[in-house]
Amino acid sequence: MALAKKGTRRIVVDGAEYRWHASRRHLCCDYEGGTLGYVAEDANRPGTTLVVETGRRARLEPDPTPTDLVLPREVAHGIRTARAQGWNPTANGSPFMLSLSATEPDQGS
């Protein structure tokens, strides 16, 4: 299922263009349980959606702190990790689920 273009952000990772957004939909993340995550897909040929769970707690207050936000460098890290684990963003299929709770985004991205 492709992401709606409205509300997504563009990111280029290793020469490929993707669209992503943090989502409160249950498909992405368990916000009721207080965790933070995001979804991503290929911008030009959407196929399998990447669903990333960061494992970080999210505050449900109106004004999030910087630790409650998903940063572009985290998204780039998640995309690279998913690609290394076999995610093919242009192939059709079920969402590719990735948990990054045990890893840290690389600081150089």
C-alpha atoms as a PDB file:
ATOM      1  CA  MET A   1       0.000   0.000   0.000  1.00  0.00           C
ATOM      2  CA  ALA A   2       1.533   3.323  -1.087  1.00  0.00           C
ATOM      3  CA  LEU A   3       1.833   6.304   1.226  1.00  0.00           C
ATOM      4  CA  ALA A   4      -0.279   9.351   0.515  1.00  0.00           C
ATOM      5  CA  LYS A   5       2.000  12.070  -0.879  1.00  0.00           C
ATOM      6  CA  LYS A   6       0.503  14.745   1.365  1.00  0.00           C
ATOM      7  CA  GLY A   7       2.425  14.956   4.616  1.00  0.00           C
ATOM      8  CA  THR A   8       5.448  12.951   3.509  1.00  0.00           C
ATOM      9  CA  ARG A   9       9.024  14.192   3.382  1.00  0.00           C
ATOM     10  CA  ARG A  10      11.580  13.487   0.676  1.00  0.00           C
ATOM     11  CA  ILE A  11      14.962  11.949   1.457  1.00  0.00           C
ATOM     12  CA  VAL A  12      17.765  10.735  -0.813  1.00  0.00           C
ATOM     13  CA  VAL A  13      19.776   7.800   0.504  1.00  0.00           C
ATOM     14  CA  ASP A  14      22.713   6.451  -1.496  1.00  0.00           C
ATOM     15  CA  GLY A  15      21.380   8.066  -4.679  1.00  0.00           C
ATOM     16  CA  ALA A  16      17.819   6.709  -4.388  1.00  0.00           C
ATOM     17  CA  GLU A  17      14.843   8.935  -3.553  1.00  0.00           C
ATOM     18  CA  TYR A  18      12.370   7.906  -0.843  1.00  0.00           C
ATOM     19  CA  ARG A  19       9.314   9.418   0.863  1.00  0.00           C
ATOM     20  CA  TRP A  20       8.750   9.002   4.592  1.00  0.00           C
ATOM     21  CA  HIS A  21       6.703  10.191   7.556  1.00  0.00           C
ATOM     22  CA  ALA A  22       6.126   9.452  11.195  1.00  0.00           C
ATOM     23  CA  SER A  23       2.679   7.987  11.645  1.00  0.00           C
ATOM     24  CA  ARG A  24       0.244   7.521  14.483  1.00  0.00           C
ATOM     25  CA  ARG A  25      -1.554   4.798  12.562  1.00  0.00           C
ATOM     26  CA  HIS A  26      -1.409   1.382  14.182  1.00  0.00           C
ATOM     27  CA  LEU A  27       0.240  -0.021  11.019  1.00  0.00           C
ATOM     28  CA  CYS A  28       3.398   1.889  11.915  1.00  0.00           C
ATOM     29  CA  CYS A  29       3.788   2.298  15.572  1.00  0.00           C
ATOM     30  CA  ASP A  30       2.228   1.670  18.924  1.00  0.00           C
ATOM     31  CA  TYR A  31       1.857   5.273  20.060  1.00  0.00           C
ATOM     32  CA  GLU A  32      -0.563   4.228  22.764  1.00  0.00           C
ATOM     33  CA  GLY A  33       2.285   2.139  24.177  1.00  0.00           C
ATOM     34  CA  GLY A  34       4.558   5.136  23.847  1.00  0.00           C
ATOM     35  CA  THR A  35       7.041   4.129  21.137  1.00  0.00           C
ATOM     36  CA  LEU A  36       8.261   6.155  18.169  1.00  0.00           C
ATOM     37  CA  GLY A  37       8.489   5.001  14.547  1.00  0.00           C
ATOM     38  CA  TYR A  38       8.050   5.887  10.880  1.00  0.00           C
ATOM     39  CA  VAL A  39       7.205   4.488   7.445  1.00  0.00           C
ATOM     40  CA  ALA A  40       9.115   4.911   4.164  1.00  0.00           C
ATOM     41  CA  GLU A  41       8.835   3.894   0.524  1.00  0.00           C
ATOM     42  CA  ASP A  42      10.541   4.420  -2.835  1.00  0.00           C
ATOM     43  CA  ALA A  43       9.460   7.815  -4.168  1.00  0.00           C
ATOM     44  CA  ASN A  44       9.360   6.854  -7.845  1.00  0.00           C
ATOM     45  CA  ARG A  45       8.188   3.225  -7.825  1.00  0.00           C
ATOM     46  CA  PRO A  46       6.400   2.529  -4.525  1.00  0.00           C
ATOM     47  CA  GLY A  47       6.213  -1.152  -3.731  1.00  0.00           C
ATOM     48  CA  THR A  48       6.891  -2.657  -0.333  1.00  0.00           C
ATOM     49  CA  THR A  49       6.536  -0.124   2.482  1.00  0.00           C
ATOM     50  CA  LEU A  50       9.197  -0.030   5.191  1.00  0.00           C
ATOM     51  CA  VAL A  51       7.793   0.149   8.739  1.00  0.00           C
ATOM     52  CA  VAL A  52      10.419   1.109  11.323  1.00  0.00           C
ATOM     53  CA  GLU A  53      10.039   0.911  15.081  1.00  0.00           C
ATOM     54  CA  THR A  54      12.749   2.920  16.867  1.00  0.00           C
ATOM     55  CA  GLY A  55      12.118   1.512  20.326  1.00  0.00           C
ATOM     56  CA  ARG A  56      12.303   5.022  21.787  1.00  0.00           C
ATOM     57  CA  ARG A  57       9.517   6.229  24.005  1.00  0.00           C
ATOM     58  CA  ALA A  58       7.336   8.987  22.598  1.00  0.00           C
ATOM     59  CA  ARG A  59       5.598  11.547  24.732  1.00  0.00           C
ATOM     60  CA  LEU A  60       1.964  12.166  23.963  1.00  0.00           C
ATOM     61  CA  GLU A  61       2.141  15.816  24.987  1.00  0.00           C
ATOM     62  CA  PRO A  62       1.352  18.542  22.435  1.00  0.00           C
ATOM     63  CA  ASP A  63       4.940  19.853  22.284  1.00  0.00           C
ATOM     64  CA  PRO A  64       7.419  17.042  21.639  1.00  0.00           C
ATOM     65  CA  THR A  65      11.012  17.403  22.778  1.00  0.00           C
ATOM     66  CA  PRO A  66      13.860  16.744  20.309  1.00  0.00           C
ATOM     67  CA  THR A  67      14.136  13.162  21.584  1.00  0.00           C
ATOM     68  CA  ASP A  68      10.507  12.620  20.540  1.00  0.00           C
ATOM     69  CA  LEU A  69      11.168  13.447  16.887  1.00  0.00           C
ATOM     70  CA  VAL A  70      12.288  11.234  14.022  1.00  0.00           C
ATOM     71  CA  LEU A  71      15.252  12.896  12.316  1.00  0.00           C
ATOM     72  CA  PRO A  72      16.223  12.475   8.646  1.00  0.00           C
ATOM     73  CA  ARG A  73      19.547  10.862   9.631  1.00  0.00           C
ATOM     74  CA  GLU A  74      17.566   8.194  11.534  1.00  0.00           C
ATOM     75  CA  VAL A  75      15.426   7.565   8.471  1.00  0.00           C
ATOM     76  CA  ALA A  76      18.544   7.218   6.293  1.00  0.00           C
ATOM     77  CA  HIS A  77      19.989   4.762   8.830  1.00  0.00           C
ATOM     78  CA  GLY A  78      16.737   2.768   8.854  1.00  0.00           C
ATOM     79  CA  ILE A  79      16.607   2.623   5.058  1.00  0.00           C
ATOM     80  CA  ARG A  80      20.239   1.466   4.828  1.00  0.00           C
ATOM     81  CA  THR A  81      19.677  -1.153   7.522  1.00  0.00           C
ATOM     82  CA  ALA A  82      16.510  -2.437   5.853  1.00  0.00           C
ATOM     83  CA  ARG A  83      18.226  -2.627   2.450  1.00  0.00           C
ATOM     84  CA  ALA A  84      21.076  -4.614   4.045  1.00  0.00           C
ATOM     85  CA  GLN A  85      18.483  -6.996   5.544  1.00  0.00           C
ATOM     86  CA  GLY A  86      16.782  -7.588   2.201  1.00  0.00           C
ATOM     87  CA  TRP A  87      14.138  -4.881   1.829  1.00  0.00           C
ATOM     88  CA  ASN A  88      13.410  -4.272  -1.852  1.00  0.00           C
ATOM     89  CA  PRO A  89      11.358  -1.045  -1.941  1.00  0.00           C
ATOM     90  CA  THR A  90      10.230  -1.437  -5.570  1.00  0.00           C
ATOM     91  CA  ALA A  91       8.954  -5.021  -5.212  1.00  0.00           C
ATOM     92  CA  ASN A  92       5.325  -5.671  -4.349  1.00  0.00           C
ATOM     93  CA  GLY A  93       4.657  -7.325  -1.037  1.00  0.00           C
ATOM     94  CA  SER A  94       3.694  -6.984   2.582  1.00  0.00           C
ATOM     95  CA  PRO A  95       5.236  -4.182   4.646  1.00  0.00           C
ATOM     96  CA  PHE A  96       8.839  -4.821   5.675  1.00  0.00           C
ATOM     97  CA  MET A  97       8.999  -4.553   9.464  1.00  0.00           C
ATOM     98  CA  LEU A  98      12.222  -3.335  11.061  1.00  0.00           C
ATOM     99  CA  SER A  99      13.010  -2.799  14.736  1.00  0.00           C
ATOM    100  CA  LEU A 100      15.938  -0.490  15.431  1.00  0.00           C
ATOM    101  CA  SER A 101      15.668  -0.524  19.210  1.00  0.00           C
ATOM    102  CA  ALA A 102      19.063  -2.240  19.494  1.00  0.00           C
ATOM    103  CA  THR A 103      20.941  -0.036  17.003  1.00  0.00           C
ATOM    104  CA  GLU A 104      21.975   3.589  16.836  1.00  0.00           C
ATOM    105  CA  PRO A 105      21.891   5.774  13.707  1.00  0.00           C
ATOM    106  CA  ASP A 106      25.327   6.483  12.289  1.00  0.00           C
ATOM    107  CA  GLN A 107      26.496   9.962  13.148  1.00  0.00           C
ATOM    108  CA  GLY A 108      27.952  10.682   9.694  1.00  0.00           C
ATOM    109  CA  SER A 109      24.630  10.670   7.804  1.00  0.00           C
END
